[in-house]
């Protein structure tokens, strides 16, 4: 199983139902040394804003999110959902667990 830290739309139950065909069970977790910023993505009906993490190297900066356990297939489904503007990277969480998280490709 793979660990995925979600801080934005992947926490949404409707989104999970659409992507994975079910609602995921997760546990609260914290990512240290990052902040959430905004990325602008051109969509079919205009430009939308989405959250994106940015490293700061400051241990005082934290992001609260949810840690989910996914299969490799579900992780690939999440990759498809996130699209070309996000890339999957590994991070160390406050609990010392390693997890995947989505960051900006640029």
PDB file of N, CA and C in Angstrom:
ATOM      1  N   UNK A   1       0.844  -1.190   0.000  1.00  0.00           N
ATOM      2  CA  UNK A   1       0.000   0.000   0.000  1.00  0.00           C
ATOM      3  C   UNK A   1       0.888   1.252   0.000  1.00  0.00           C
ATOM      4  N   UNK A   2       0.324   2.307  -0.552  1.00  0.00           N
ATOM      5  CA  UNK A   2       1.015   3.593  -0.647  1.00  0.00           C
ATOM      6  C   UNK A   2       0.350   4.599   0.293  1.00  0.00           C
ATOM      7  N   UNK A   3       1.132   5.540   0.807  1.00  0.00           N
ATOM      8  CA  UNK A   3       0.620   6.592   1.671  1.00  0.00           C
ATOM      9  C   UNK A   3       0.492   7.879   0.854  1.00  0.00           C
ATOM     10  N   UNK A   4      -0.653   8.542   0.939  1.00  0.00           N
ATOM     11  CA  UNK A   4      -0.871   9.807   0.241  1.00  0.00           C
ATOM     12  C   UNK A   4      -1.369  10.854   1.227  1.00  0.00           C
ATOM     13  N   UNK A   5      -0.651  11.970   1.311  1.00  0.00           N
ATOM     14  CA  UNK A   5      -1.059  13.095   2.150  1.00  0.00           C
ATOM     15  C   UNK A   5      -1.876  14.045   1.294  1.00  0.00           C
ATOM     16  N   UNK A   6      -3.115  14.287   1.695  1.00  0.00           N
ATOM     17  CA  UNK A   6      -4.006  15.182   0.948  1.00  0.00           C
ATOM     18  C   UNK A   6      -4.252  16.442   1.763  1.00  0.00           C
ATOM     19  N   UNK A   7      -4.180  17.593   1.081  1.00  0.00           N
ATOM     20  CA  UNK A   7      -4.374  18.885   1.743  1.00  0.00           C
ATOM     21  C   UNK A   7      -5.404  19.739   1.019  1.00  0.00           C
ATOM     22  N   UNK A   8      -5.890  19.270  -0.122  1.00  0.00           N
ATOM     23  CA  UNK A   8      -6.809  20.082  -0.935  1.00  0.00           C
ATOM     24  C   UNK A   8      -8.000  19.276  -1.402  1.00  0.00           C
ATOM     25  N   UNK A   9      -8.225  19.292  -2.712  1.00  0.00           N
ATOM     26  CA  UNK A   9      -9.444  18.690  -3.267  1.00  0.00           C
ATOM     27  C   UNK A   9      -9.528  17.185  -3.061  1.00  0.00           C
ATOM     28  N   UNK A  10      -8.405  16.504  -2.891  1.00  0.00           N
ATOM     29  CA  UNK A  10      -8.465  15.055  -2.678  1.00  0.00           C
ATOM     30  C   UNK A  10      -9.073  14.674  -1.330  1.00  0.00           C
ATOM     31  N   UNK A  11      -9.273  15.649  -0.457  1.00  0.00           N
ATOM     32  CA  UNK A  11      -9.970  15.381   0.814  1.00  0.00           C
ATOM     33  C   UNK A  11     -11.483  15.385   0.627  1.00  0.00           C
ATOM     34  N   UNK A  12     -11.955  15.919  -0.488  1.00  0.00           N
ATOM     35  CA  UNK A  12     -13.384  16.062  -0.754  1.00  0.00           C
ATOM     36  C   UNK A  12     -14.016  14.702  -1.053  1.00  0.00           C
ATOM     37  N   UNK A  13     -15.076  14.366  -0.321  1.00  0.00           N
ATOM     38  CA  UNK A  13     -15.714  13.061  -0.465  1.00  0.00           C
ATOM     39  C   UNK A  13     -16.315  12.847  -1.860  1.00  0.00           C
ATOM     40  N   UNK A  14     -16.880  13.892  -2.464  1.00  0.00           N
ATOM     41  CA  UNK A  14     -17.430  13.767  -3.816  1.00  0.00           C
ATOM     42  C   UNK A  14     -16.329  13.493  -4.834  1.00  0.00           C
ATOM     43  N   UNK A  15     -15.201  14.148  -4.669  1.00  0.00           N
ATOM     44  CA  UNK A  15     -14.054  13.931  -5.562  1.00  0.00           C
ATOM     45  C   UNK A  15     -13.551  12.495  -5.399  1.00  0.00           C
ATOM     46  N   UNK A  16     -13.435  12.040  -4.162  1.00  0.00           N
ATOM     47  CA  UNK A  16     -12.977  10.669  -3.904  1.00  0.00           C
ATOM     48  C   UNK A  16     -13.916   9.654  -4.550  1.00  0.00           C
ATOM     49  N   UNK A  17     -15.206   9.879  -4.409  1.00  0.00           N
ATOM     50  CA  UNK A  17     -16.203   8.974  -5.000  1.00  0.00           C
ATOM     51  C   UNK A  17     -16.034   8.921  -6.520  1.00  0.00           C
ATOM     52  N   UNK A  18     -15.784  10.058  -7.138  1.00  0.00           N
ATOM     53  CA  UNK A  18     -15.605  10.130  -8.592  1.00  0.00           C
ATOM     54  C   UNK A  18     -14.320   9.428  -9.026  1.00  0.00           C
ATOM     55  N   UNK A  19     -13.213   9.681  -8.324  1.00  0.00           N
ATOM     56  CA  UNK A  19     -11.911   9.132  -8.726  1.00  0.00           C
ATOM     57  C   UNK A  19     -11.769   7.650  -8.384  1.00  0.00           C
ATOM     58  N   UNK A  20     -12.112   7.313  -7.140  1.00  0.00           N
ATOM     59  CA  UNK A  20     -11.831   5.971  -6.631  1.00  0.00           C
ATOM     60  C   UNK A  20     -13.061   5.065  -6.542  1.00  0.00           C
ATOM     61  N   UNK A  21     -14.240   5.648  -6.734  1.00  0.00           N
ATOM     62  CA  UNK A  21     -15.461   4.859  -6.623  1.00  0.00           C
ATOM     63  C   UNK A  21     -15.866   4.580  -5.190  1.00  0.00           C
ATOM     64  N   UNK A  22     -15.222   5.266  -4.258  1.00  0.00           N
ATOM     65  CA  UNK A  22     -15.541   5.096  -2.835  1.00  0.00           C
ATOM     66  C   UNK A  22     -14.976   6.276  -2.055  1.00  0.00           C
ATOM     67  N   UNK A  23     -15.422   6.403  -0.815  1.00  0.00           N
ATOM     68  CA  UNK A  23     -14.884   7.431   0.073  1.00  0.00           C
ATOM     69  C   UNK A  23     -13.745   6.805   0.866  1.00  0.00           C
ATOM     70  N   UNK A  24     -12.609   7.474   0.881  1.00  0.00           N
ATOM     71  CA  UNK A  24     -11.422   6.954   1.560  1.00  0.00           C
ATOM     72  C   UNK A  24     -11.495   7.189   3.067  1.00  0.00           C
ATOM     73  N   UNK A  25     -10.855   6.303   3.800  1.00  0.00           N
ATOM     74  CA  UNK A  25     -10.694   6.491   5.238  1.00  0.00           C
ATOM     75  C   UNK A  25      -9.256   6.953   5.466  1.00  0.00           C
ATOM     76  N   UNK A  26      -9.120   8.020   6.254  1.00  0.00           N
ATOM     77  CA  UNK A  26      -7.789   8.548   6.512  1.00  0.00           C
ATOM     78  C   UNK A  26      -7.648   9.020   7.943  1.00  0.00           C
ATOM     79  N   UNK A  27      -6.440   9.435   8.276  1.00  0.00           N
ATOM     80  CA  UNK A  27      -6.156   9.951   9.616  1.00  0.00           C
ATOM     81  C   UNK A  27      -5.530  11.338   9.486  1.00  0.00           C
ATOM     82  N   UNK A  28      -5.830  12.220  10.431  1.00  0.00           N
ATOM     83  CA  UNK A  28      -5.226  13.560  10.400  1.00  0.00           C
ATOM     84  C   UNK A  28      -3.700  13.457  10.478  1.00  0.00           C
ATOM     85  N   UNK A  29      -3.032  14.325   9.735  1.00  0.00           N
ATOM     86  CA  UNK A  29      -1.571  14.333   9.714  1.00  0.00           C
ATOM     87  C   UNK A  29      -1.112  15.751   9.405  1.00  0.00           C
ATOM     88  N   UNK A  30       0.158  16.033   9.670  1.00  0.00           N
ATOM     89  CA  UNK A  30       0.714  17.369   9.461  1.00  0.00           C
ATOM     90  C   UNK A  30       1.999  17.270   8.647  1.00  0.00           C
ATOM     91  N   UNK A  31       2.106  18.178   7.680  1.00  0.00           N
ATOM     92  CA  UNK A  31       3.317  18.319   6.880  1.00  0.00           C
ATOM     93  C   UNK A  31       4.049  19.552   7.393  1.00  0.00           C
ATOM     94  N   UNK A  32       5.311  19.386   7.765  1.00  0.00           N
ATOM     95  CA  UNK A  32       6.110  20.456   8.365  1.00  0.00           C
ATOM     96  C   UNK A  32       7.084  21.018   7.334  1.00  0.00           C
ATOM     97  N   UNK A  33       7.270  22.352   7.369  1.00  0.00           N
ATOM     98  CA  UNK A  33       8.224  22.999   6.482  1.00  0.00           C
ATOM     99  C   UNK A  33       7.642  23.367   5.124  1.00  0.00           C
ATOM    100  N   UNK A  34       6.320  23.430   5.049  1.00  0.00           N
ATOM    101  CA  UNK A  34       5.613  23.796   3.822  1.00  0.00           C
ATOM    102  C   UNK A  34       4.462  24.735   4.161  1.00  0.00           C
ATOM    103  N   UNK A  35       4.052  25.518   3.169  1.00  0.00           N
ATOM    104  CA  UNK A  35       2.844  26.334   3.259  1.00  0.00           C
ATOM    105  C   UNK A  35       1.996  26.051   2.019  1.00  0.00           C
ATOM    106  N   UNK A  36       0.712  26.387   2.115  1.00  0.00           N
ATOM    107  CA  UNK A  36      -0.181  26.244   0.977  1.00  0.00           C
ATOM    108  C   UNK A  36      -0.291  27.591   0.271  1.00  0.00           C
ATOM    109  N   UNK A  37      -0.040  27.579  -1.014  1.00  0.00           N
ATOM    110  CA  UNK A  37      -0.231  28.748  -1.860  1.00  0.00           C
ATOM    111  C   UNK A  37      -1.315  28.424  -2.874  1.00  0.00           C
ATOM    112  N   UNK A  38      -1.453  29.256  -3.878  1.00  0.00           N
ATOM    113  CA  UNK A  38      -2.494  29.080  -4.891  1.00  0.00           C
ATOM    114  C   UNK A  38      -1.847  28.961  -6.261  1.00  0.00           C
ATOM    115  N   UNK A  39      -2.358  28.059  -7.062  1.00  0.00           N
ATOM    116  CA  UNK A  39      -1.935  27.926  -8.449  1.00  0.00           C
ATOM    117  C   UNK A  39      -3.152  28.252  -9.317  1.00  0.00           C
ATOM    118  N   UNK A  40      -2.930  28.958 -10.423  1.00  0.00           N
ATOM    119  CA  UNK A  40      -4.012  29.310 -11.344  1.00  0.00           C
ATOM    120  C   UNK A  40      -3.943  28.384 -12.553  1.00  0.00           C
ATOM    121  N   UNK A  41      -5.034  27.692 -12.820  1.00  0.00           N
ATOM    122  CA  UNK A  41      -5.101  26.740 -13.923  1.00  0.00           C
ATOM    123  C   UNK A  41      -6.249  27.131 -14.843  1.00  0.00           C
ATOM    124  N   UNK A  42      -5.933  27.204 -16.127  1.00  0.00           N
ATOM    125  CA  UNK A  42      -6.972  27.534 -17.105  1.00  0.00           C
ATOM    126  C   UNK A  42      -7.845  26.308 -17.340  1.00  0.00           C
ATOM    127  N   UNK A  43      -9.114  26.480 -17.067  1.00  0.00           N
ATOM    128  CA  UNK A  43     -10.110  25.420 -17.244  1.00  0.00           C
ATOM    129  C   UNK A  43     -10.984  25.769 -18.442  1.00  0.00           C
ATOM    130  N   UNK A  44     -11.925  24.912 -18.737  1.00  0.00           N
ATOM    131  CA  UNK A  44     -12.816  25.102 -19.885  1.00  0.00           C
ATOM    132  C   UNK A  44     -13.575  26.425 -19.826  1.00  0.00           C
ATOM    133  N   UNK A  45     -13.994  26.832 -18.624  1.00  0.00           N
ATOM    134  CA  UNK A  45     -14.821  28.036 -18.482  1.00  0.00           C
ATOM    135  C   UNK A  45     -14.102  29.183 -17.792  1.00  0.00           C
ATOM    136  N   UNK A  46     -12.768  29.186 -17.815  1.00  0.00           N
ATOM    137  CA  UNK A  46     -12.010  30.279 -17.217  1.00  0.00           C
ATOM    138  C   UNK A  46     -10.874  29.773 -16.354  1.00  0.00           C
ATOM    139  N   UNK A  47     -10.230  30.688 -15.671  1.00  0.00           N
ATOM    140  CA  UNK A  47      -9.094  30.353 -14.816  1.00  0.00           C
ATOM    141  C   UNK A  47      -9.603  30.069 -13.401  1.00  0.00           C
ATOM    142  N   UNK A  48      -9.183  28.927 -12.855  1.00  0.00           N
ATOM    143  CA  UNK A  48      -9.563  28.526 -11.497  1.00  0.00           C
ATOM    144  C   UNK A  48      -8.334  28.524 -10.594  1.00  0.00           C
ATOM    145  N   UNK A  49      -8.575  28.713  -9.296  1.00  0.00           N
ATOM    146  CA  UNK A  49      -7.503  28.667  -8.306  1.00  0.00           C
ATOM    147  C   UNK A  49      -7.564  27.332  -7.564  1.00  0.00           C
ATOM    148  N   UNK A  50      -6.375  26.727  -7.380  1.00  0.00           N
ATOM    149  CA  UNK A  50      -6.271  25.473  -6.645  1.00  0.00           C
ATOM    150  C   UNK A  50      -5.134  25.589  -5.639  1.00  0.00           C
ATOM    151  N   UNK A  51      -5.220  24.867  -4.516  1.00  0.00           N
ATOM    152  CA  UNK A  51      -4.131  24.910  -3.539  1.00  0.00           C
ATOM    153  C   UNK A  51      -2.902  24.161  -4.048  1.00  0.00           C
ATOM    154  N   UNK A  52      -1.741  24.643  -3.641  1.00  0.00           N
ATOM    155  CA  UNK A  52      -0.470  23.999  -3.992  1.00  0.00           C
ATOM    156  C   UNK A  52       0.508  24.196  -2.836  1.00  0.00           C
ATOM    157  N   UNK A  53       1.273  23.166  -2.513  1.00  0.00           N
ATOM    158  CA  UNK A  53       2.246  23.303  -1.422  1.00  0.00           C
ATOM    159  C   UNK A  53       3.548  23.887  -1.941  1.00  0.00           C
ATOM    160  N   UNK A  54       4.201  24.646  -1.068  1.00  0.00           N
ATOM    161  CA  UNK A  54       5.490  25.249  -1.377  1.00  0.00           C
ATOM    162  C   UNK A  54       6.409  25.016  -0.178  1.00  0.00           C
ATOM    163  N   UNK A  55       7.611  24.467  -0.411  1.00  0.00           N
ATOM    164  CA  UNK A  55       8.533  24.266   0.714  1.00  0.00           C
ATOM    165  C   UNK A  55       9.088  25.593   1.217  1.00  0.00           C
ATOM    166  N   UNK A  56       9.250  25.687   2.534  1.00  0.00           N
ATOM    167  CA  UNK A  56       9.801  26.901   3.135  1.00  0.00           C
ATOM    168  C   UNK A  56      11.073  26.627   3.941  1.00  0.00           C
ATOM    169  N   UNK A  57      11.300  25.374   4.306  1.00  0.00           N
ATOM    170  CA  UNK A  57      12.418  24.985   5.174  1.00  0.00           C
ATOM    171  C   UNK A  57      12.248  25.520   6.597  1.00  0.00           C
ATOM    172  N   UNK A  58      11.124  26.181   6.883  1.00  0.00           N
ATOM    173  CA  UNK A  58      10.840  26.713   8.214  1.00  0.00           C
ATOM    174  C   UNK A  58       9.979  25.703   8.963  1.00  0.00           C
ATOM    175  N   UNK A  59      10.488  25.176  10.056  1.00  0.00           N
ATOM    176  CA  UNK A  59       9.770  24.167  10.831  1.00  0.00           C
ATOM    177  C   UNK A  59       8.503  24.710  11.503  1.00  0.00           C
ATOM    178  N   UNK A  60       8.362  26.038  11.513  1.00  0.00           N
ATOM    179  CA  UNK A  60       7.154  26.646  12.071  1.00  0.00           C
ATOM    180  C   UNK A  60       5.993  26.606  11.079  1.00  0.00           C
ATOM    181  N   UNK A  61       6.305  26.409   9.806  1.00  0.00           N
ATOM    182  CA  UNK A  61       5.264  26.346   8.765  1.00  0.00           C
ATOM    183  C   UNK A  61       4.729  24.925   8.682  1.00  0.00           C
ATOM    184  N   UNK A  62       3.418  24.787   8.799  1.00  0.00           N
ATOM    185  CA  UNK A  62       2.814  23.452   8.749  1.00  0.00           C
ATOM    186  C   UNK A  62       1.529  23.471   7.928  1.00  0.00           C
ATOM    187  N   UNK A  63       1.192  22.304   7.407  1.00  0.00           N
ATOM    188  CA  UNK A  63      -0.054  22.107   6.674  1.00  0.00           C
ATOM    189  C   UNK A  63      -0.776  20.928   7.307  1.00  0.00           C
ATOM    190  N   UNK A  64      -2.015  21.150   7.706  1.00  0.00           N
ATOM    191  CA  UNK A  64      -2.833  20.066   8.229  1.00  0.00           C
ATOM    192  C   UNK A  64      -3.561  19.406   7.072  1.00  0.00           C
ATOM    193  N   UNK A  65      -3.578  18.095   7.081  1.00  0.00           N
ATOM    194  CA  UNK A  65      -4.250  17.351   6.022  1.00  0.00           C
ATOM    195  C   UNK A  65      -4.663  15.983   6.515  1.00  0.00           C
ATOM    196  N   UNK A  66      -4.894  15.104   5.560  1.00  0.00           N
ATOM    197  CA  UNK A  66      -5.318  13.741   5.869  1.00  0.00           C
ATOM    198  C   UNK A  66      -4.375  12.770   5.172  1.00  0.00           C
ATOM    199  N   UNK A  67      -3.978  11.731   5.883  1.00  0.00           N
ATOM    200  CA  UNK A  67      -3.132  10.687   5.327  1.00  0.00           C
ATOM    201  C   UNK A  67      -4.008   9.501   4.956  1.00  0.00           C
ATOM    202  N   UNK A  68      -3.952   9.131   3.672  1.00  0.00           N
ATOM    203  CA  UNK A  68      -4.736   8.006   3.167  1.00  0.00           C
ATOM    204  C   UNK A  68      -3.807   6.882   2.738  1.00  0.00           C
ATOM    205  N   UNK A  69      -4.310   5.656   2.841  1.00  0.00           N
ATOM    206  CA  UNK A  69      -3.603   4.498   2.331  1.00  0.00           C
ATOM    207  C   UNK A  69      -4.276   4.087   1.031  1.00  0.00           C
ATOM    208  N   UNK A  70      -3.491   4.039  -0.056  1.00  0.00           N
ATOM    209  CA  UNK A  70      -4.025   3.727  -1.374  1.00  0.00           C
ATOM    210  C   UNK A  70      -3.266   2.568  -2.004  1.00  0.00           C
ATOM    211  N   UNK A  71      -3.920   1.892  -2.934  1.00  0.00           N
ATOM    212  CA  UNK A  71      -3.222   0.906  -3.743  1.00  0.00           C
ATOM    213  C   UNK A  71      -2.432   1.648  -4.815  1.00  0.00           C
ATOM    214  N   UNK A  72      -1.532   0.950  -5.478  1.00  0.00           N
ATOM    215  CA  UNK A  72      -0.774   1.544  -6.580  1.00  0.00           C
ATOM    216  C   UNK A  72      -1.728   2.011  -7.681  1.00  0.00           C
ATOM    217  N   UNK A  73      -2.760   1.228  -7.953  1.00  0.00           N
ATOM    218  CA  UNK A  73      -3.746   1.602  -8.974  1.00  0.00           C
ATOM    219  C   UNK A  73      -4.477   2.889  -8.585  1.00  0.00           C
ATOM    220  N   UNK A  74      -4.862   3.017  -7.321  1.00  0.00           N
ATOM    221  CA  UNK A  74      -5.537   4.234  -6.862  1.00  0.00           C
ATOM    222  C   UNK A  74      -4.606   5.437  -6.929  1.00  0.00           C
ATOM    223  N   UNK A  75      -3.326   5.223  -6.650  1.00  0.00           N
ATOM    224  CA  UNK A  75      -2.354   6.309  -6.749  1.00  0.00           C
ATOM    225  C   UNK A  75      -2.244   6.784  -8.204  1.00  0.00           C
ATOM    226  N   UNK A  76      -2.274   5.857  -9.142  1.00  0.00           N
ATOM    227  CA  UNK A  76      -2.256   6.221 -10.560  1.00  0.00           C
ATOM    228  C   UNK A  76      -3.532   6.995 -10.940  1.00  0.00           C
ATOM    229  N   UNK A  77      -4.657   6.612 -10.356  1.00  0.00           N
ATOM    230  CA  UNK A  77      -5.913   7.338 -10.597  1.00  0.00           C
ATOM    231  C   UNK A  77      -5.803   8.770 -10.067  1.00  0.00           C
ATOM    232  N   UNK A  78      -5.176   8.934  -8.906  1.00  0.00           N
ATOM    233  CA  UNK A  78      -4.965  10.272  -8.348  1.00  0.00           C
ATOM    234  C   UNK A  78      -4.036  11.089  -9.244  1.00  0.00           C
ATOM    235  N   UNK A  79      -3.001  10.447  -9.800  1.00  0.00           N
ATOM    236  CA  UNK A  79      -2.096  11.136 -10.731  1.00  0.00           C
ATOM    237  C   UNK A  79      -2.881  11.678 -11.924  1.00  0.00           C
ATOM    238  N   UNK A  80      -3.756  10.857 -12.475  1.00  0.00           N
ATOM    239  CA  UNK A  80      -4.568  11.269 -13.621  1.00  0.00           C
ATOM    240  C   UNK A  80      -5.462  12.439 -13.239  1.00  0.00           C
ATOM    241  N   UNK A  81      -6.076  12.374 -12.069  1.00  0.00           N
ATOM    242  CA  UNK A  81      -6.944  13.454 -11.598  1.00  0.00           C
ATOM    243  C   UNK A  81      -6.161  14.760 -11.457  1.00  0.00           C
ATOM    244  N   UNK A  82      -4.979  14.704 -10.869  1.00  0.00           N
ATOM    245  CA  UNK A  82      -4.188  15.919 -10.621  1.00  0.00           C
ATOM    246  C   UNK A  82      -3.689  16.545 -11.924  1.00  0.00           C
ATOM    247  N   UNK A  83      -3.457  15.752 -12.944  1.00  0.00           N
ATOM    248  CA  UNK A  83      -3.127  16.284 -14.258  1.00  0.00           C
ATOM    249  C   UNK A  83      -1.712  16.811 -14.395  1.00  0.00           C
ATOM    250  N   UNK A  84      -1.504  17.615 -15.430  1.00  0.00           N
ATOM    251  CA  UNK A  84      -0.159  18.052 -15.815  1.00  0.00           C
ATOM    252  C   UNK A  84       0.407  19.176 -14.949  1.00  0.00           C
ATOM    253  N   UNK A  85      -0.426  19.823 -14.149  1.00  0.00           N
ATOM    254  CA  UNK A  85       0.036  20.961 -13.348  1.00  0.00           C
ATOM    255  C   UNK A  85       0.616  20.549 -11.995  1.00  0.00           C
ATOM    256  N   UNK A  86       0.419  19.279 -11.641  1.00  0.00           N
ATOM    257  CA  UNK A  86       0.908  18.767 -10.360  1.00  0.00           C
ATOM    258  C   UNK A  86       1.838  17.583 -10.600  1.00  0.00           C
ATOM    259  N   UNK A  87       2.819  17.434  -9.704  1.00  0.00           N
ATOM    260  CA  UNK A  87       3.668  16.248  -9.717  1.00  0.00           C
ATOM    261  C   UNK A  87       3.627  15.629  -8.330  1.00  0.00           C
ATOM    262  N   UNK A  88       3.831  14.340  -8.279  1.00  0.00           N
ATOM    263  CA  UNK A  88       3.814  13.614  -7.006  1.00  0.00           C
ATOM    264  C   UNK A  88       5.243  13.535  -6.477  1.00  0.00           C
ATOM    265  N   UNK A  89       5.431  13.986  -5.217  1.00  0.00           N
ATOM    266  CA  UNK A  89       6.741  13.932  -4.570  1.00  0.00           C
ATOM    267  C   UNK A  89       6.598  13.234  -3.224  1.00  0.00           C
ATOM    268  N   UNK A  90       7.714  12.734  -2.700  1.00  0.00           N
ATOM    269  CA  UNK A  90       7.689  12.129  -1.364  1.00  0.00           C
ATOM    270  C   UNK A  90       8.129  13.149  -0.332  1.00  0.00           C
ATOM    271  N   UNK A  91       7.436  13.128   0.811  1.00  0.00           N
ATOM    272  CA  UNK A  91       7.750  14.033   1.919  1.00  0.00           C
ATOM    273  C   UNK A  91       7.750  13.254   3.220  1.00  0.00           C
ATOM    274  N   UNK A  92       8.391  13.840   4.219  1.00  0.00           N
ATOM    275  CA  UNK A  92       8.393  13.290   5.572  1.00  0.00           C
ATOM    276  C   UNK A  92       7.361  14.068   6.378  1.00  0.00           C
ATOM    277  N   UNK A  93       6.430  13.360   6.993  1.00  0.00           N
ATOM    278  CA  UNK A  93       5.376  13.991   7.782  1.00  0.00           C
ATOM    279  C   UNK A  93       5.816  14.173   9.228  1.00  0.00           C
ATOM    280  N   UNK A  94       5.040  14.920   9.973  1.00  0.00           N
ATOM    281  CA  UNK A  94       5.362  15.189  11.377  1.00  0.00           C
ATOM    282  C   UNK A  94       5.509  13.894  12.180  1.00  0.00           C
ATOM    283  N   UNK A  95       4.743  12.869  11.813  1.00  0.00           N
ATOM    284  CA  UNK A  95       4.795  11.580  12.513  1.00  0.00           C
ATOM    285  C   UNK A  95       5.994  10.732  12.085  1.00  0.00           C
ATOM    286  N   UNK A  96       6.853  11.286  11.222  1.00  0.00           N
ATOM    287  CA  UNK A  96       8.021  10.609  10.651  1.00  0.00           C
ATOM    288  C   UNK A  96       7.675   9.579   9.587  1.00  0.00           C
ATOM    289  N   UNK A  97       6.409   9.491   9.199  1.00  0.00           N
ATOM    290  CA  UNK A  97       6.025   8.625   8.096  1.00  0.00           C
ATOM    291  C   UNK A  97       6.381   9.321   6.783  1.00  0.00           C
ATOM    292  N   UNK A  98       6.695   8.541   5.773  1.00  0.00           N
ATOM    293  CA  UNK A  98       6.938   9.056   4.436  1.00  0.00           C
ATOM    294  C   UNK A  98       5.661   8.876   3.624  1.00  0.00           C
ATOM    295  N   UNK A  99       5.299   9.908   2.872  1.00  0.00           N
ATOM    296  CA  UNK A  99       4.074   9.848   2.079  1.00  0.00           C
ATOM    297  C   UNK A  99       4.261  10.592   0.767  1.00  0.00           C
ATOM    298  N   UNK A 100       3.417  10.272  -0.186  1.00  0.00           N
ATOM    299  CA  UNK A 100       3.332  11.029  -1.427  1.00  0.00           C
ATOM    300  C   UNK A 100       2.467  12.257  -1.199  1.00  0.00           C
ATOM    301  N   UNK A 101       2.764  13.320  -1.924  1.00  0.00           N
ATOM    302  CA  UNK A 101       1.951  14.536  -1.892  1.00  0.00           C
ATOM    303  C   UNK A 101       2.093  15.188  -3.262  1.00  0.00           C
ATOM    304  N   UNK A 102       1.123  15.989  -3.644  1.00  0.00           N
ATOM    305  CA  UNK A 102       1.173  16.670  -4.934  1.00  0.00           C
ATOM    306  C   UNK A 102       1.660  18.104  -4.781  1.00  0.00           C
ATOM    307  N   UNK A 103       2.627  18.467  -5.633  1.00  0.00           N
ATOM    308  CA  UNK A 103       3.231  19.797  -5.654  1.00  0.00           C
ATOM    309  C   UNK A 103       3.182  20.318  -7.089  1.00  0.00           C
ATOM    310  N   UNK A 104       3.525  21.565  -7.279  1.00  0.00           N
ATOM    311  CA  UNK A 104       3.493  22.169  -8.623  1.00  0.00           C
ATOM    312  C   UNK A 104       4.600  21.566  -9.494  1.00  0.00           C
ATOM    313  N   UNK A 105       4.298  21.427 -10.783  1.00  0.00           N
ATOM    314  CA  UNK A 105       5.292  20.895 -11.719  1.00  0.00           C
ATOM    315  C   UNK A 105       6.339  21.927 -12.082  1.00  0.00           C
ATOM    316  N   UNK A 106       6.033  23.202 -11.886  1.00  0.00           N
ATOM    317  CA  UNK A 106       6.986  24.251 -12.257  1.00  0.00           C
ATOM    318  C   UNK A 106       7.715  24.803 -11.070  1.00  0.00           C
TER     319      UNK A 106
END
